[in-house]
Amino acid sequence: MRAVLALAALVAPLAAFPATVWTLGPSPSGETVTFSDQKGPCVGDALVAVWQKEGRAPVPACYRIEGGMVLIAFLDGDSVQLPAAMLKKTTSL
């Protein structure tokens, strides 16, 4: 239960980040990862990202771009590496 509360405390402020700079998705299953230019809880040169799917709690992550790859470490313990070319630049409305 403590882990859930700690994760909720991290996710709440992340949902309000206005500085989304890239988006990955939505996937056919409705998943989206948004990447910000904010530091958040991340260390070193990593920045905040958030995985989202309707009906599910958002999962915060830290990411960095290195050698043409996006290295993502989700705060639930999962990680993934993707080609940076998969990211879409977010435009403001």
N, C-alpha and C. Protein backbone atom coordinates (compact mmCIF):
# COMPACT_ATOMS: atom_id res chain seq x y z
N MET A 1 0.82 -1.19 0.00
CA MET A 1 0.00 0.00 0.00
C MET A 1 0.87 1.26 0.00
N ARG A 2 1.99 1.22 0.73
CA ARG A 2 2.87 2.39 0.75
C ARG A 2 3.41 2.69 -0.64
N ALA A 3 3.73 1.62 -1.39
CA ALA A 3 4.26 1.82 -2.74
C ALA A 3 3.22 2.49 -3.63
N VAL A 4 1.97 2.09 -3.49
CA VAL A 4 0.89 2.70 -4.28
C VAL A 4 0.73 4.16 -3.93
N LEU A 5 0.76 4.48 -2.64
CA LEU A 5 0.64 5.88 -2.22
C LEU A 5 1.83 6.71 -2.70
N ALA A 6 3.02 6.14 -2.62
CA ALA A 6 4.21 6.86 -3.08
C ALA A 6 4.13 7.12 -4.58
N LEU A 7 3.68 6.11 -5.35
CA LEU A 7 3.54 6.28 -6.79
C LEU A 7 2.47 7.33 -7.10
N ALA A 8 1.37 7.31 -6.35
CA ALA A 8 0.31 8.30 -6.56
C ALA A 8 0.83 9.71 -6.28
N ALA A 9 1.67 9.85 -5.27
CA ALA A 9 2.24 11.17 -4.95
C ALA A 9 3.12 11.67 -6.08
N LEU A 10 3.80 10.77 -6.79
CA LEU A 10 4.63 11.17 -7.93
C LEU A 10 3.78 11.47 -9.16
N VAL A 11 2.73 10.69 -9.37
CA VAL A 11 1.93 10.83 -10.59
C VAL A 11 1.10 12.10 -10.58
N ALA A 12 0.53 12.48 -9.45
CA ALA A 12 -0.35 13.64 -9.39
C ALA A 12 0.28 14.89 -9.98
N PRO A 13 1.50 15.29 -9.57
CA PRO A 13 2.07 16.48 -10.18
C PRO A 13 2.49 16.27 -11.64
N LEU A 14 2.80 15.05 -12.03
CA LEU A 14 3.23 14.80 -13.41
C LEU A 14 2.09 15.03 -14.38
N ALA A 15 0.88 14.73 -13.98
CA ALA A 15 -0.27 14.90 -14.87
C ALA A 15 -0.46 16.36 -15.24
N ALA A 16 0.05 17.28 -14.44
CA ALA A 16 -0.13 18.71 -14.68
C ALA A 16 1.01 19.32 -15.49
N PHE A 17 2.01 18.55 -15.90
CA PHE A 17 3.13 19.12 -16.65
C PHE A 17 2.64 19.71 -17.96
N PRO A 18 2.82 21.00 -18.17
CA PRO A 18 2.35 21.63 -19.40
C PRO A 18 3.36 21.52 -20.54
N ALA A 19 4.55 21.06 -20.25
CA ALA A 19 5.64 21.16 -21.21
C ALA A 19 5.89 19.85 -21.96
N THR A 20 4.83 19.26 -22.51
CA THR A 20 5.01 18.05 -23.30
C THR A 20 5.69 18.43 -24.60
N VAL A 21 6.79 17.76 -24.92
CA VAL A 21 7.53 18.12 -26.12
C VAL A 21 7.47 17.04 -27.20
N TRP A 22 7.29 15.76 -26.79
CA TRP A 22 7.15 14.67 -27.74
C TRP A 22 6.05 13.74 -27.28
N THR A 23 5.50 13.02 -28.24
CA THR A 23 4.47 12.03 -27.94
C THR A 23 4.79 10.76 -28.71
N LEU A 24 4.53 9.63 -28.09
CA LEU A 24 4.63 8.33 -28.73
C LEU A 24 3.26 7.70 -28.62
N GLY A 25 2.61 7.47 -29.75
CA GLY A 25 1.28 6.85 -29.73
C GLY A 25 0.23 7.81 -30.20
N PRO A 26 -1.00 7.47 -30.07
CA PRO A 26 -1.48 6.29 -29.36
C PRO A 26 -1.26 5.01 -30.16
N SER A 27 -1.01 3.93 -29.42
CA SER A 27 -0.84 2.62 -30.04
C SER A 27 -2.23 2.05 -30.38
N PRO A 28 -2.29 0.95 -31.12
CA PRO A 28 -3.59 0.34 -31.41
C PRO A 28 -4.38 -0.01 -30.14
N SER A 29 -3.69 -0.26 -29.03
CA SER A 29 -4.39 -0.57 -27.78
C SER A 29 -4.68 0.68 -26.94
N GLY A 30 -4.39 1.88 -27.50
CA GLY A 30 -4.73 3.13 -26.83
C GLY A 30 -3.68 3.66 -25.87
N GLU A 31 -2.48 3.10 -25.89
CA GLU A 31 -1.42 3.57 -24.99
C GLU A 31 -0.69 4.77 -25.60
N THR A 32 -0.34 5.73 -24.75
CA THR A 32 0.41 6.90 -25.17
C THR A 32 1.50 7.18 -24.14
N VAL A 33 2.66 7.58 -24.62
CA VAL A 33 3.71 8.06 -23.72
C VAL A 33 4.00 9.50 -24.12
N THR A 34 3.92 10.40 -23.15
CA THR A 34 4.25 11.80 -23.40
C THR A 34 5.57 12.11 -22.69
N PHE A 35 6.40 12.88 -23.35
CA PHE A 35 7.73 13.21 -22.87
C PHE A 35 7.80 14.71 -22.62
N SER A 36 8.25 15.11 -21.44
CA SER A 36 8.32 16.53 -21.11
C SER A 36 9.76 17.01 -21.12
N ASP A 37 9.92 18.31 -20.94
CA ASP A 37 11.25 18.87 -20.79
C ASP A 37 11.52 19.21 -19.32
N GLN A 38 10.75 18.59 -18.43
CA GLN A 38 10.86 18.83 -16.99
C GLN A 38 11.71 17.76 -16.32
N LYS A 39 12.39 18.11 -15.27
CA LYS A 39 13.25 17.21 -14.51
C LYS A 39 12.45 16.25 -13.63
N GLY A 40 11.44 16.77 -12.93
CA GLY A 40 10.63 15.94 -12.05
C GLY A 40 11.50 15.17 -11.07
N PRO A 41 11.17 13.90 -10.80
CA PRO A 41 11.94 13.10 -9.85
C PRO A 41 13.17 12.44 -10.47
N CYS A 42 13.44 12.72 -11.74
CA CYS A 42 14.52 12.04 -12.45
C CYS A 42 15.89 12.58 -12.04
N VAL A 43 16.91 11.75 -12.17
CA VAL A 43 18.26 12.14 -11.79
C VAL A 43 19.14 12.25 -13.03
N GLY A 44 20.31 12.87 -12.85
CA GLY A 44 21.23 13.04 -13.97
C GLY A 44 20.61 13.91 -15.04
N ASP A 45 20.78 13.52 -16.30
CA ASP A 45 20.23 14.31 -17.40
C ASP A 45 18.88 13.76 -17.88
N ALA A 46 18.27 12.85 -17.12
CA ALA A 46 16.97 12.28 -17.50
C ALA A 46 15.84 13.27 -17.23
N LEU A 47 14.81 13.19 -18.06
CA LEU A 47 13.63 14.03 -17.95
C LEU A 47 12.39 13.16 -17.77
N VAL A 48 11.28 13.78 -17.42
CA VAL A 48 10.05 13.05 -17.10
C VAL A 48 9.24 12.68 -18.34
N ALA A 49 8.71 11.46 -18.30
CA ALA A 49 7.73 10.98 -19.29
C ALA A 49 6.60 10.33 -18.50
N VAL A 50 5.43 10.17 -19.14
CA VAL A 50 4.30 9.52 -18.49
C VAL A 50 3.61 8.60 -19.48
N TRP A 51 3.43 7.32 -19.10
CA TRP A 51 2.66 6.36 -19.89
C TRP A 51 1.22 6.49 -19.46
N GLN A 52 0.30 6.51 -20.46
CA GLN A 52 -1.12 6.66 -20.15
C GLN A 52 -1.95 5.74 -21.02
N LYS A 53 -3.01 5.21 -20.42
CA LYS A 53 -3.99 4.43 -21.15
C LYS A 53 -5.32 4.65 -20.44
N GLU A 54 -6.37 4.91 -21.22
CA GLU A 54 -7.67 5.18 -20.63
C GLU A 54 -8.08 4.04 -19.71
N GLY A 55 -8.56 4.41 -18.54
CA GLY A 55 -9.00 3.43 -17.56
C GLY A 55 -7.89 2.87 -16.68
N ARG A 56 -6.66 3.31 -16.89
CA ARG A 56 -5.52 2.83 -16.10
C ARG A 56 -4.83 4.03 -15.45
N ALA A 57 -4.19 3.79 -14.34
CA ALA A 57 -3.43 4.85 -13.66
C ALA A 57 -2.19 5.18 -14.50
N PRO A 58 -1.86 6.46 -14.66
CA PRO A 58 -0.65 6.82 -15.39
C PRO A 58 0.59 6.28 -14.68
N VAL A 59 1.60 5.94 -15.47
CA VAL A 59 2.87 5.45 -14.91
C VAL A 59 3.97 6.44 -15.27
N PRO A 60 4.55 7.10 -14.27
CA PRO A 60 5.63 8.04 -14.55
C PRO A 60 6.90 7.29 -14.96
N ALA A 61 7.75 8.00 -15.68
CA ALA A 61 9.00 7.43 -16.17
C ALA A 61 10.05 8.52 -16.27
N CYS A 62 11.27 8.11 -16.42
CA CYS A 62 12.37 9.02 -16.72
C CYS A 62 12.97 8.57 -18.04
N TYR A 63 13.38 9.53 -18.87
CA TYR A 63 13.93 9.18 -20.17
C TYR A 63 15.12 10.07 -20.50
N ARG A 64 15.91 9.57 -21.43
CA ARG A 64 16.96 10.38 -22.05
C ARG A 64 17.17 9.86 -23.46
N ILE A 65 17.67 10.71 -24.31
CA ILE A 65 17.94 10.33 -25.69
C ILE A 65 19.45 10.19 -25.83
N GLU A 66 19.87 9.03 -26.32
CA GLU A 66 21.29 8.74 -26.43
C GLU A 66 21.55 7.92 -27.69
N GLY A 67 22.41 8.41 -28.54
CA GLY A 67 22.78 7.67 -29.74
C GLY A 67 21.61 7.31 -30.64
N GLY A 68 20.63 8.22 -30.77
CA GLY A 68 19.48 7.97 -31.64
C GLY A 68 18.42 7.07 -31.02
N MET A 69 18.60 6.71 -29.75
CA MET A 69 17.63 5.87 -29.05
C MET A 69 17.04 6.64 -27.87
N VAL A 70 15.79 6.35 -27.56
CA VAL A 70 15.14 6.89 -26.36
C VAL A 70 15.19 5.79 -25.31
N LEU A 71 15.86 6.06 -24.21
CA LEU A 71 15.98 5.10 -23.11
C LEU A 71 14.95 5.51 -22.05
N ILE A 72 13.99 4.64 -21.78
CA ILE A 72 12.90 4.97 -20.86
C ILE A 72 12.94 4.00 -19.68
N ALA A 73 12.95 4.53 -18.47
CA ALA A 73 12.86 3.73 -17.25
C ALA A 73 11.58 4.13 -16.54
N PHE A 74 10.61 3.22 -16.52
CA PHE A 74 9.34 3.49 -15.85
C PHE A 74 9.52 3.27 -14.36
N LEU A 75 8.83 4.10 -13.57
CA LEU A 75 9.01 4.03 -12.13
C LEU A 75 8.31 2.82 -11.51
N ASP A 76 7.65 1.99 -12.34
CA ASP A 76 7.11 0.72 -11.83
C ASP A 76 8.10 -0.41 -12.03
N GLY A 77 9.31 -0.09 -12.55
CA GLY A 77 10.37 -1.08 -12.70
C GLY A 77 10.59 -1.56 -14.13
N ASP A 78 9.71 -1.24 -15.06
CA ASP A 78 9.85 -1.65 -16.45
C ASP A 78 10.78 -0.67 -17.18
N SER A 79 11.34 -1.10 -18.29
CA SER A 79 12.16 -0.20 -19.11
C SER A 79 12.05 -0.61 -20.56
N VAL A 80 12.37 0.33 -21.44
CA VAL A 80 12.30 0.07 -22.88
C VAL A 80 13.26 1.01 -23.60
N GLN A 81 13.75 0.57 -24.75
CA GLN A 81 14.57 1.40 -25.63
C GLN A 81 13.88 1.46 -26.97
N LEU A 82 13.70 2.67 -27.51
CA LEU A 82 13.01 2.87 -28.78
C LEU A 82 13.83 3.79 -29.67
N PRO A 83 13.73 3.64 -30.99
CA PRO A 83 14.39 4.61 -31.88
C PRO A 83 13.77 6.00 -31.69
N ALA A 84 14.60 7.02 -31.58
CA ALA A 84 14.11 8.38 -31.39
C ALA A 84 13.23 8.83 -32.55
N ALA A 85 13.40 8.25 -33.73
CA ALA A 85 12.58 8.63 -34.89
C ALA A 85 11.11 8.29 -34.70
N MET A 86 10.78 7.44 -33.72
CA MET A 86 9.37 7.09 -33.46
C MET A 86 8.61 8.20 -32.76
N LEU A 87 9.31 9.17 -32.16
CA LEU A 87 8.66 10.24 -31.42
C LEU A 87 8.06 11.26 -32.37
N LYS A 88 6.89 11.78 -31.98
CA LYS A 88 6.24 12.84 -32.75
C LYS A 88 6.36 14.14 -31.96
N LYS A 89 6.81 15.20 -32.62
CA LYS A 89 6.89 16.50 -31.97
C LYS A 89 5.49 16.98 -31.67
N THR A 90 5.26 17.44 -30.44
CA THR A 90 3.95 17.93 -30.04
C THR A 90 3.82 19.37 -30.47
N THR A 91 2.66 19.72 -31.02
CA THR A 91 2.41 21.10 -31.40
C THR A 91 1.34 21.67 -30.48
N SER A 92 1.44 22.95 -30.17
CA SER A 92 0.42 23.56 -29.32
C SER A 92 -0.77 23.97 -30.18
N LEU A 93 -1.91 23.99 -29.53
CA LEU A 93 -3.14 24.36 -30.25
C LEU A 93 -3.34 25.85 -30.22
